[in-house]
């Protein structure tokens, strides 16, 4: 039986820094929300800068300010980030609907103001997020964060809510649940 909750979760990758209040409409405007995935990727974050669709393709982690994903509740904002290769987002805070949609897609979300406020981080720097030690590592620096609830961890490890449901239906174990 697969023990998802016991799997170590460490996400390491290059970062893309974004400002405060990047809304779901800036992540992916409504006009592009129903396009095929590849076409959506051409427009991700383009409202902030025409270079961002290319930059996001080289990143695995977004570091953003307050209210990341605020505004619309469309799933396409989280979906396009996942399809672009984003595995985690570290921000001061998240829009509540975006938060749920991103978890459903298997993107780890971490609220950690000290690292967001760090002037040392630049686009392309490598960051490591360790759920077990509840630590974000950047070079020699360490930042602590509060780990998400167990159910969110299990959804992330499963690769999203649909995969999580499939595992539950198959009878495989996820931590202490069946």
N, C-alpha and C. Protein backbone atom coordinates (compact mmCIF):
# COMPACT_ATOMS: atom_id res chain seq x y z
N UNK A 1 0.83 -1.19 0.00
CA UNK A 1 0.00 0.00 0.00
C UNK A 1 0.87 1.25 0.00
N UNK A 2 0.45 2.21 -0.75
CA UNK A 2 1.19 3.46 -0.85
C UNK A 2 0.92 4.33 0.38
N UNK A 3 1.94 4.81 1.01
CA UNK A 3 1.83 5.66 2.20
C UNK A 3 2.18 7.10 1.80
N UNK A 4 1.24 7.83 1.26
CA UNK A 4 1.53 9.17 0.79
C UNK A 4 1.99 10.10 1.90
N UNK A 5 1.39 10.01 3.05
CA UNK A 5 1.72 10.96 4.12
C UNK A 5 3.15 10.78 4.62
N UNK A 6 3.72 9.59 4.42
CA UNK A 6 5.07 9.36 4.92
C UNK A 6 6.13 9.75 3.91
N UNK A 7 5.74 10.08 2.68
CA UNK A 7 6.71 10.50 1.68
C UNK A 7 7.27 11.87 2.04
N UNK A 8 8.57 12.01 1.90
CA UNK A 8 9.23 13.29 2.17
C UNK A 8 8.90 14.26 1.05
N UNK A 9 8.55 15.48 1.40
CA UNK A 9 8.21 16.49 0.39
C UNK A 9 9.26 17.60 0.46
N UNK A 10 10.09 17.65 -0.56
CA UNK A 10 11.08 18.71 -0.71
C UNK A 10 10.97 19.19 -2.16
N UNK A 11 10.71 20.45 -2.33
CA UNK A 11 10.62 21.04 -3.66
C UNK A 11 11.78 22.01 -3.81
N UNK A 12 12.58 21.77 -4.83
CA UNK A 12 13.73 22.62 -5.11
C UNK A 12 13.63 23.12 -6.54
N UNK A 13 13.89 24.39 -6.74
CA UNK A 13 13.84 24.91 -8.10
C UNK A 13 14.20 26.38 -8.18
N UNK A 14 14.23 26.85 -9.40
CA UNK A 14 14.53 28.26 -9.66
C UNK A 14 13.28 29.10 -9.41
N UNK A 15 13.51 30.31 -8.91
CA UNK A 15 12.38 31.16 -8.55
C UNK A 15 12.10 32.24 -9.59
N UNK A 16 10.86 32.68 -9.55
CA UNK A 16 10.42 33.85 -10.28
C UNK A 16 9.77 34.76 -9.25
N UNK A 17 10.28 35.98 -9.12
CA UNK A 17 9.73 36.94 -8.16
C UNK A 17 8.61 37.75 -8.80
N UNK A 18 7.52 37.91 -8.05
CA UNK A 18 6.39 38.69 -8.51
C UNK A 18 5.95 39.65 -7.40
N UNK A 19 5.29 40.73 -7.76
CA UNK A 19 4.90 41.75 -6.77
C UNK A 19 3.65 41.37 -5.98
N UNK A 20 3.18 42.31 -5.15
CA UNK A 20 1.92 42.18 -4.43
C UNK A 20 0.75 42.20 -5.41
N UNK A 21 -0.37 41.63 -4.95
CA UNK A 21 -1.66 41.73 -5.62
C UNK A 21 -1.65 41.28 -7.09
N UNK A 22 -0.98 40.17 -7.36
CA UNK A 22 -1.07 39.58 -8.69
C UNK A 22 -2.37 38.79 -8.71
N UNK A 23 -3.38 39.33 -9.38
CA UNK A 23 -4.70 38.71 -9.38
C UNK A 23 -4.77 37.52 -10.33
N UNK A 24 -5.81 36.73 -10.16
CA UNK A 24 -6.04 35.62 -11.07
C UNK A 24 -6.20 36.09 -12.50
N UNK A 25 -6.75 37.29 -12.68
CA UNK A 25 -6.91 37.84 -14.03
C UNK A 25 -5.57 38.26 -14.63
N UNK A 26 -4.60 38.60 -13.80
CA UNK A 26 -3.26 38.92 -14.32
C UNK A 26 -2.52 37.62 -14.62
N UNK A 27 -2.71 36.62 -13.77
CA UNK A 27 -2.07 35.32 -14.03
C UNK A 27 -2.51 34.81 -15.40
N UNK A 28 -3.82 34.81 -15.64
CA UNK A 28 -4.35 34.42 -16.94
C UNK A 28 -5.67 35.15 -17.17
N UNK A 29 -5.68 36.12 -18.07
CA UNK A 29 -6.92 36.85 -18.34
C UNK A 29 -8.03 35.92 -18.83
N UNK A 30 -9.26 36.30 -18.54
CA UNK A 30 -10.43 35.48 -18.88
C UNK A 30 -10.50 35.14 -20.36
N UNK A 31 -10.04 36.03 -21.22
CA UNK A 31 -10.10 35.79 -22.66
C UNK A 31 -9.31 34.56 -23.09
N UNK A 32 -8.36 34.13 -22.28
CA UNK A 32 -7.51 32.99 -22.64
C UNK A 32 -7.81 31.73 -21.82
N UNK A 33 -8.79 31.81 -20.93
CA UNK A 33 -9.05 30.74 -19.97
C UNK A 33 -9.56 29.45 -20.60
N UNK A 34 -10.13 29.51 -21.77
CA UNK A 34 -10.69 28.31 -22.40
C UNK A 34 -9.86 27.82 -23.59
N UNK A 35 -8.70 28.41 -23.78
CA UNK A 35 -7.81 27.97 -24.86
C UNK A 35 -7.16 26.64 -24.53
N UNK A 36 -6.64 25.95 -25.52
CA UNK A 36 -5.83 24.76 -25.22
C UNK A 36 -4.64 25.16 -24.35
N UNK A 37 -4.15 24.21 -23.58
CA UNK A 37 -3.10 24.50 -22.60
C UNK A 37 -1.91 25.23 -23.21
N UNK A 38 -1.41 24.77 -24.33
CA UNK A 38 -0.23 25.40 -24.93
C UNK A 38 -0.49 26.87 -25.25
N UNK A 39 -1.67 27.17 -25.73
CA UNK A 39 -2.02 28.55 -26.04
C UNK A 39 -2.16 29.39 -24.77
N UNK A 40 -2.69 28.80 -23.70
CA UNK A 40 -2.78 29.51 -22.42
C UNK A 40 -1.39 29.90 -21.93
N UNK A 41 -0.43 28.98 -22.08
CA UNK A 41 0.92 29.23 -21.59
C UNK A 41 1.56 30.45 -22.25
N UNK A 42 1.17 30.77 -23.45
CA UNK A 42 1.71 31.94 -24.15
C UNK A 42 1.26 33.25 -23.52
N UNK A 43 0.21 33.19 -22.67
CA UNK A 43 -0.36 34.41 -22.09
C UNK A 43 -0.21 34.51 -20.58
N UNK A 44 0.38 33.51 -19.95
CA UNK A 44 0.50 33.51 -18.50
C UNK A 44 1.35 34.70 -18.04
N UNK A 45 0.80 35.50 -17.16
CA UNK A 45 1.46 36.66 -16.55
C UNK A 45 1.91 37.73 -17.54
N UNK A 46 1.44 37.65 -18.76
CA UNK A 46 1.84 38.60 -19.80
C UNK A 46 1.42 40.02 -19.45
N UNK A 47 0.33 40.16 -18.65
CA UNK A 47 -0.14 41.47 -18.24
C UNK A 47 0.87 42.22 -17.37
N UNK A 48 1.75 41.50 -16.72
CA UNK A 48 2.80 42.16 -15.91
C UNK A 48 4.00 42.53 -16.78
N UNK A 49 4.33 41.63 -17.71
CA UNK A 49 5.48 41.86 -18.58
C UNK A 49 5.43 40.87 -19.74
N UNK A 50 5.72 41.31 -20.95
CA UNK A 50 5.69 40.40 -22.10
C UNK A 50 6.74 39.29 -22.01
N UNK A 51 7.77 39.47 -21.18
CA UNK A 51 8.82 38.45 -21.02
C UNK A 51 8.44 37.34 -20.05
N UNK A 52 7.41 37.55 -19.24
CA UNK A 52 7.10 36.58 -18.18
C UNK A 52 6.70 35.19 -18.67
N UNK A 53 5.99 35.03 -19.79
CA UNK A 53 5.72 33.65 -20.22
C UNK A 53 6.99 32.83 -20.45
N UNK A 54 8.04 33.47 -20.93
CA UNK A 54 9.32 32.76 -21.12
C UNK A 54 10.02 32.53 -19.79
N UNK A 55 9.98 33.52 -18.90
CA UNK A 55 10.64 33.38 -17.60
C UNK A 55 9.98 32.30 -16.74
N UNK A 56 8.66 32.22 -16.79
CA UNK A 56 7.96 31.24 -15.96
C UNK A 56 8.28 29.82 -16.41
N UNK A 57 8.56 29.66 -17.69
CA UNK A 57 8.90 28.34 -18.23
C UNK A 57 10.23 27.83 -17.67
N UNK A 58 11.04 28.73 -17.14
CA UNK A 58 12.33 28.34 -16.57
C UNK A 58 12.30 28.31 -15.04
N UNK A 59 11.12 28.44 -14.46
CA UNK A 59 10.98 28.52 -13.00
C UNK A 59 10.11 27.38 -12.48
N UNK A 60 10.37 26.98 -11.23
CA UNK A 60 9.56 25.96 -10.57
C UNK A 60 8.85 26.53 -9.34
N UNK A 61 9.34 27.67 -8.85
CA UNK A 61 8.80 28.27 -7.63
C UNK A 61 8.57 29.76 -7.87
N UNK A 62 7.40 30.23 -7.46
CA UNK A 62 7.11 31.67 -7.51
C UNK A 62 7.25 32.20 -6.09
N UNK A 63 7.90 33.37 -5.96
CA UNK A 63 7.96 34.09 -4.70
C UNK A 63 7.22 35.41 -4.96
N UNK A 64 6.12 35.62 -4.23
CA UNK A 64 5.26 36.77 -4.49
C UNK A 64 4.93 37.49 -3.18
N UNK A 65 4.30 38.63 -3.32
CA UNK A 65 3.94 39.43 -2.16
C UNK A 65 2.58 39.06 -1.59
N UNK A 66 1.82 40.06 -1.20
CA UNK A 66 0.51 39.85 -0.58
C UNK A 66 -0.56 39.58 -1.64
N UNK A 67 -1.54 38.79 -1.26
CA UNK A 67 -2.73 38.59 -2.08
C UNK A 67 -2.51 37.90 -3.41
N UNK A 68 -1.55 37.00 -3.49
CA UNK A 68 -1.31 36.33 -4.77
C UNK A 68 -2.55 35.53 -5.18
N UNK A 69 -3.01 35.75 -6.40
CA UNK A 69 -4.18 35.03 -6.91
C UNK A 69 -5.50 35.63 -6.49
N UNK A 70 -5.49 36.85 -5.95
CA UNK A 70 -6.74 37.46 -5.50
C UNK A 70 -7.67 37.69 -6.68
N UNK A 71 -8.93 37.93 -6.38
CA UNK A 71 -9.88 38.23 -7.44
C UNK A 71 -10.67 37.02 -7.89
N UNK A 72 -10.61 36.73 -9.14
CA UNK A 72 -11.43 35.69 -9.75
C UNK A 72 -11.21 34.31 -9.13
N UNK A 73 -12.22 33.47 -9.23
CA UNK A 73 -12.13 32.11 -8.73
C UNK A 73 -11.95 31.09 -9.84
N UNK A 74 -11.63 31.55 -11.07
CA UNK A 74 -11.45 30.62 -12.18
C UNK A 74 -10.29 29.68 -11.92
N UNK A 75 -10.50 28.41 -12.18
CA UNK A 75 -9.45 27.40 -12.01
C UNK A 75 -8.30 27.59 -12.97
N UNK A 76 -8.56 28.23 -14.09
CA UNK A 76 -7.54 28.34 -15.14
C UNK A 76 -6.27 29.03 -14.65
N UNK A 77 -6.37 29.92 -13.67
CA UNK A 77 -5.17 30.60 -13.16
C UNK A 77 -4.22 29.60 -12.51
N UNK A 78 -4.75 28.71 -11.70
CA UNK A 78 -3.91 27.69 -11.07
C UNK A 78 -3.48 26.64 -12.09
N UNK A 79 -4.39 26.28 -12.98
CA UNK A 79 -4.08 25.25 -13.98
C UNK A 79 -2.92 25.67 -14.87
N UNK A 80 -2.93 26.92 -15.34
CA UNK A 80 -1.87 27.36 -16.24
C UNK A 80 -0.52 27.42 -15.52
N UNK A 81 -0.51 27.77 -14.23
CA UNK A 81 0.75 27.77 -13.48
C UNK A 81 1.30 26.36 -13.32
N UNK A 82 0.42 25.41 -13.02
CA UNK A 82 0.83 24.01 -12.90
C UNK A 82 1.38 23.51 -14.24
N UNK A 83 0.68 23.82 -15.32
CA UNK A 83 1.12 23.39 -16.65
C UNK A 83 2.43 24.05 -17.06
N UNK A 84 2.70 25.23 -16.52
CA UNK A 84 3.96 25.93 -16.81
C UNK A 84 5.12 25.33 -16.02
N UNK A 85 4.83 24.43 -15.09
CA UNK A 85 5.89 23.78 -14.32
C UNK A 85 6.06 24.31 -12.91
N UNK A 86 5.16 25.18 -12.46
CA UNK A 86 5.27 25.71 -11.10
C UNK A 86 4.85 24.62 -10.11
N UNK A 87 5.73 24.33 -9.17
CA UNK A 87 5.48 23.31 -8.16
C UNK A 87 5.10 23.91 -6.82
N UNK A 88 5.53 25.15 -6.57
CA UNK A 88 5.25 25.79 -5.28
C UNK A 88 5.21 27.30 -5.45
N UNK A 89 4.45 27.94 -4.56
CA UNK A 89 4.39 29.39 -4.51
C UNK A 89 4.57 29.81 -3.06
N UNK A 90 5.52 30.70 -2.83
CA UNK A 90 5.77 31.27 -1.51
C UNK A 90 5.31 32.72 -1.58
N UNK A 91 4.41 33.10 -0.69
CA UNK A 91 3.89 34.47 -0.71
C UNK A 91 3.55 34.91 0.70
N UNK A 92 3.27 36.20 0.86
CA UNK A 92 2.83 36.71 2.16
C UNK A 92 1.41 36.24 2.44
N UNK A 93 0.56 36.21 1.39
CA UNK A 93 -0.81 35.73 1.53
C UNK A 93 -1.35 35.38 0.15
N UNK A 94 -2.47 34.65 0.15
CA UNK A 94 -3.08 34.18 -1.09
C UNK A 94 -4.56 34.54 -1.12
N UNK A 95 -5.08 34.75 -2.33
CA UNK A 95 -6.52 34.84 -2.50
C UNK A 95 -7.11 33.49 -2.13
N UNK A 96 -8.21 33.48 -1.39
CA UNK A 96 -8.75 32.21 -0.86
C UNK A 96 -9.19 31.25 -1.96
N UNK A 97 -9.86 31.73 -3.00
CA UNK A 97 -10.28 30.83 -4.08
C UNK A 97 -9.08 30.30 -4.85
N UNK A 98 -8.10 31.16 -5.09
CA UNK A 98 -6.88 30.69 -5.77
C UNK A 98 -6.19 29.64 -4.91
N UNK A 99 -6.14 29.87 -3.61
CA UNK A 99 -5.49 28.92 -2.70
C UNK A 99 -6.09 27.52 -2.89
N UNK A 100 -7.40 27.43 -2.87
CA UNK A 100 -8.07 26.13 -3.02
C UNK A 100 -7.81 25.53 -4.39
N UNK A 101 -7.90 26.34 -5.44
CA UNK A 101 -7.68 25.85 -6.79
C UNK A 101 -6.24 25.35 -6.99
N UNK A 102 -5.28 26.06 -6.41
CA UNK A 102 -3.88 25.65 -6.55
C UNK A 102 -3.61 24.34 -5.81
N UNK A 103 -4.14 24.20 -4.61
CA UNK A 103 -3.99 22.94 -3.87
C UNK A 103 -4.63 21.80 -4.68
N UNK A 104 -5.82 22.05 -5.22
CA UNK A 104 -6.49 21.03 -6.03
C UNK A 104 -5.65 20.60 -7.21
N UNK A 105 -4.83 21.49 -7.72
CA UNK A 105 -3.95 21.17 -8.85
C UNK A 105 -2.60 20.59 -8.41
N UNK A 106 -2.36 20.54 -7.11
CA UNK A 106 -1.13 19.95 -6.60
C UNK A 106 0.03 20.93 -6.46
N UNK A 107 -0.27 22.22 -6.39
CA UNK A 107 0.77 23.23 -6.18
C UNK A 107 0.87 23.51 -4.68
N UNK A 108 2.05 23.39 -4.13
CA UNK A 108 2.27 23.70 -2.71
C UNK A 108 2.26 25.21 -2.52
N UNK A 109 1.48 25.68 -1.55
CA UNK A 109 1.43 27.11 -1.22
C UNK A 109 1.93 27.30 0.20
N UNK A 110 2.87 28.24 0.34
CA UNK A 110 3.49 28.49 1.64
C UNK A 110 3.42 29.99 1.92
N UNK A 111 2.88 30.34 3.08
CA UNK A 111 2.89 31.73 3.52
C UNK A 111 4.13 31.94 4.38
N UNK A 112 5.04 32.79 3.89
CA UNK A 112 6.30 33.03 4.59
C UNK A 112 6.80 34.44 4.28
N UNK A 113 6.36 35.40 5.08
CA UNK A 113 6.73 36.80 4.85
C UNK A 113 8.24 37.06 4.89
N UNK A 114 9.01 36.47 5.82
CA UNK A 114 10.43 36.82 5.87
C UNK A 114 11.18 36.55 4.57
N UNK A 115 10.90 35.46 3.90
CA UNK A 115 11.63 35.19 2.66
C UNK A 115 11.15 36.09 1.54
N UNK A 116 9.87 36.42 1.53
CA UNK A 116 9.34 37.32 0.51
C UNK A 116 9.99 38.69 0.66
N UNK A 117 10.22 39.11 1.90
CA UNK A 117 10.81 40.42 2.16
C UNK A 117 12.33 40.45 1.94
N UNK A 118 12.95 39.31 1.71
CA UNK A 118 14.40 39.26 1.51
C UNK A 118 14.78 39.94 0.21
N UNK A 119 15.69 40.89 0.30
CA UNK A 119 16.17 41.58 -0.89
C UNK A 119 17.24 40.76 -1.62
N UNK A 120 17.68 39.67 -1.01
CA UNK A 120 18.73 38.86 -1.60
C UNK A 120 18.23 37.99 -2.75
N UNK A 121 16.95 37.65 -2.77
CA UNK A 121 16.41 36.76 -3.80
C UNK A 121 16.24 37.45 -5.14
N UNK A 122 16.69 36.78 -6.19
CA UNK A 122 16.55 37.30 -7.55
C UNK A 122 15.95 36.21 -8.45
N UNK A 123 15.32 36.62 -9.54
CA UNK A 123 14.82 35.65 -10.51
C UNK A 123 15.94 34.69 -10.89
N UNK A 124 15.62 33.41 -10.92
CA UNK A 124 16.60 32.39 -11.30
C UNK A 124 17.38 31.81 -10.14
N UNK A 125 17.32 32.44 -8.95
CA UNK A 125 17.98 31.86 -7.78
C UNK A 125 17.29 30.55 -7.43
N UNK A 126 18.04 29.65 -6.80
CA UNK A 126 17.47 28.37 -6.41
C UNK A 126 17.03 28.39 -4.94
N UNK A 127 15.85 27.84 -4.72
CA UNK A 127 15.22 27.79 -3.41
C UNK A 127 14.80 26.36 -3.14
N UNK A 128 14.81 25.96 -1.88
CA UNK A 128 14.38 24.62 -1.51
C UNK A 128 13.36 24.74 -0.38
N UNK A 129 12.23 24.05 -0.55
CA UNK A 129 11.16 24.06 0.45
C UNK A 129 11.01 22.65 0.98
N UNK A 130 11.24 22.49 2.29
CA UNK A 130 11.18 21.17 2.93
C UNK A 130 10.00 21.15 3.90
N UNK A 131 8.97 20.38 3.54
CA UNK A 131 7.79 20.31 4.41
C UNK A 131 8.08 19.60 5.72
N UNK A 132 8.99 18.64 5.72
CA UNK A 132 9.27 17.89 6.94
C UNK A 132 9.97 18.75 8.00
N UNK A 133 10.94 19.54 7.57
CA UNK A 133 11.63 20.41 8.53
C UNK A 133 10.94 21.77 8.65
N UNK A 134 9.92 22.01 7.82
CA UNK A 134 9.21 23.29 7.78
C UNK A 134 10.19 24.43 7.59
N UNK A 135 11.02 24.26 6.57
CA UNK A 135 12.10 25.19 6.35
C UNK A 135 12.25 25.49 4.85
N UNK A 136 12.48 26.76 4.56
CA UNK A 136 12.83 27.19 3.21
C UNK A 136 14.31 27.53 3.25
N UNK A 137 15.06 26.99 2.29
CA UNK A 137 16.51 27.22 2.25
C UNK A 137 16.87 28.01 1.00
N UNK A 138 17.68 29.03 1.24
CA UNK A 138 18.23 29.83 0.15
C UNK A 138 19.69 30.07 0.51
N UNK A 139 20.60 29.42 -0.20
CA UNK A 139 22.01 29.52 0.14
C UNK A 139 22.22 29.05 1.56
N UNK A 140 22.83 29.89 2.37
CA UNK A 140 23.06 29.56 3.79
C UNK A 140 21.89 30.01 4.67
N UNK A 141 20.95 30.73 4.12
CA UNK A 141 19.82 31.24 4.89
C UNK A 141 18.74 30.19 5.06
N UNK A 142 18.08 30.22 6.21
CA UNK A 142 16.98 29.32 6.53
C UNK A 142 15.81 30.15 7.03
N UNK A 143 14.62 29.82 6.53
CA UNK A 143 13.39 30.50 6.94
C UNK A 143 12.38 29.44 7.34
N UNK A 144 11.77 29.61 8.49
CA UNK A 144 10.77 28.65 8.96
C UNK A 144 9.38 29.08 8.49
N UNK A 145 8.51 28.10 8.33
CA UNK A 145 7.12 28.35 7.97
C UNK A 145 6.26 27.30 8.63
N UNK A 146 4.98 27.59 8.72
CA UNK A 146 4.04 26.64 9.30
C UNK A 146 3.60 25.68 8.20
N UNK A 147 3.79 24.40 8.44
CA UNK A 147 3.40 23.38 7.46
C UNK A 147 1.88 23.36 7.29
N UNK A 148 1.42 23.02 6.09
CA UNK A 148 -0.03 22.95 5.88
C UNK A 148 -0.62 21.75 6.62
N UNK A 149 -1.92 21.74 6.79
CA UNK A 149 -2.57 20.59 7.43
C UNK A 149 -2.28 19.30 6.66
N UNK A 150 -2.39 18.18 7.35
CA UNK A 150 -2.08 16.87 6.78
C UNK A 150 -2.84 16.59 5.48
N UNK A 151 -4.10 16.95 5.41
CA UNK A 151 -4.91 16.68 4.21
C UNK A 151 -4.34 17.41 3.00
N UNK A 152 -3.86 18.64 3.19
CA UNK A 152 -3.27 19.39 2.08
C UNK A 152 -1.96 18.74 1.67
N UNK A 153 -1.16 18.32 2.62
CA UNK A 153 0.09 17.61 2.32
C UNK A 153 -0.20 16.37 1.47
N UNK A 154 -1.22 15.62 1.84
CA UNK A 154 -1.56 14.40 1.12
C UNK A 154 -2.01 14.72 -0.32
N UNK A 155 -2.76 15.79 -0.50
CA UNK A 155 -3.20 16.18 -1.84
C UNK A 155 -1.99 16.59 -2.68
N UNK A 156 -1.06 17.33 -2.10
CA UNK A 156 0.16 17.75 -2.81
C UNK A 156 0.97 16.52 -3.21
N UNK A 157 1.20 15.61 -2.27
CA UNK A 157 1.98 14.40 -2.55
C UNK A 157 1.31 13.56 -3.64
N UNK A 158 -0.01 13.52 -3.63
CA UNK A 158 -0.74 12.75 -4.64
C UNK A 158 -0.68 13.40 -6.02
N UNK A 159 -0.32 14.68 -6.08
CA UNK A 159 -0.26 15.38 -7.35
C UNK A 159 -1.53 16.13 -7.69
N UNK A 160 -2.38 16.34 -6.70
CA UNK A 160 -3.61 17.09 -6.90
C UNK A 160 -4.81 16.33 -6.38
N UNK A 161 -5.93 17.03 -6.33
CA UNK A 161 -7.15 16.47 -5.73
C UNK A 161 -7.70 15.28 -6.51
N UNK A 162 -7.66 15.32 -7.83
CA UNK A 162 -8.18 14.20 -8.62
C UNK A 162 -7.36 12.94 -8.35
N UNK A 163 -6.04 13.06 -8.37
CA UNK A 163 -5.20 11.90 -8.06
C UNK A 163 -5.43 11.41 -6.63
N UNK A 164 -5.62 12.33 -5.72
CA UNK A 164 -5.88 11.99 -4.33
C UNK A 164 -7.16 11.15 -4.23
N UNK A 165 -8.21 11.61 -4.94
CA UNK A 165 -9.47 10.86 -4.95
C UNK A 165 -9.30 9.47 -5.55
N UNK A 166 -8.53 9.37 -6.61
CA UNK A 166 -8.29 8.06 -7.24
C UNK A 166 -7.59 7.11 -6.27
N UNK A 167 -6.64 7.64 -5.52
CA UNK A 167 -5.92 6.81 -4.54
C UNK A 167 -6.89 6.34 -3.46
N UNK A 168 -7.73 7.25 -2.97
CA UNK A 168 -8.71 6.87 -1.95
C UNK A 168 -9.65 5.80 -2.48
N UNK A 169 -10.14 5.98 -3.70
CA UNK A 169 -11.07 5.01 -4.28
C UNK A 169 -10.43 3.65 -4.55
N UNK A 170 -9.12 3.66 -4.79
CA UNK A 170 -8.43 2.40 -5.07
C UNK A 170 -8.19 1.59 -3.81
N UNK A 171 -8.40 2.20 -2.65
CA UNK A 171 -8.20 1.50 -1.38
C UNK A 171 -6.79 1.61 -0.84
N UNK A 172 -5.92 2.35 -1.57
CA UNK A 172 -4.57 2.55 -1.04
C UNK A 172 -4.63 3.46 0.17
N UNK A 173 -3.66 3.29 1.05
CA UNK A 173 -3.64 4.13 2.26
C UNK A 173 -2.97 5.46 2.00
N UNK A 174 -3.51 6.46 2.62
CA UNK A 174 -2.89 7.79 2.62
C UNK A 174 -2.74 8.15 4.09
N UNK A 175 -1.55 7.97 4.59
CA UNK A 175 -1.32 8.24 6.01
C UNK A 175 -2.14 7.31 6.89
N UNK A 176 -2.94 7.89 7.78
CA UNK A 176 -3.75 7.10 8.71
C UNK A 176 -5.14 6.81 8.19
N UNK A 177 -5.47 7.33 6.99
CA UNK A 177 -6.80 7.10 6.45
C UNK A 177 -6.78 5.95 5.46
N UNK A 178 -7.94 5.47 5.10
CA UNK A 178 -8.04 4.38 4.12
C UNK A 178 -8.84 4.85 2.93
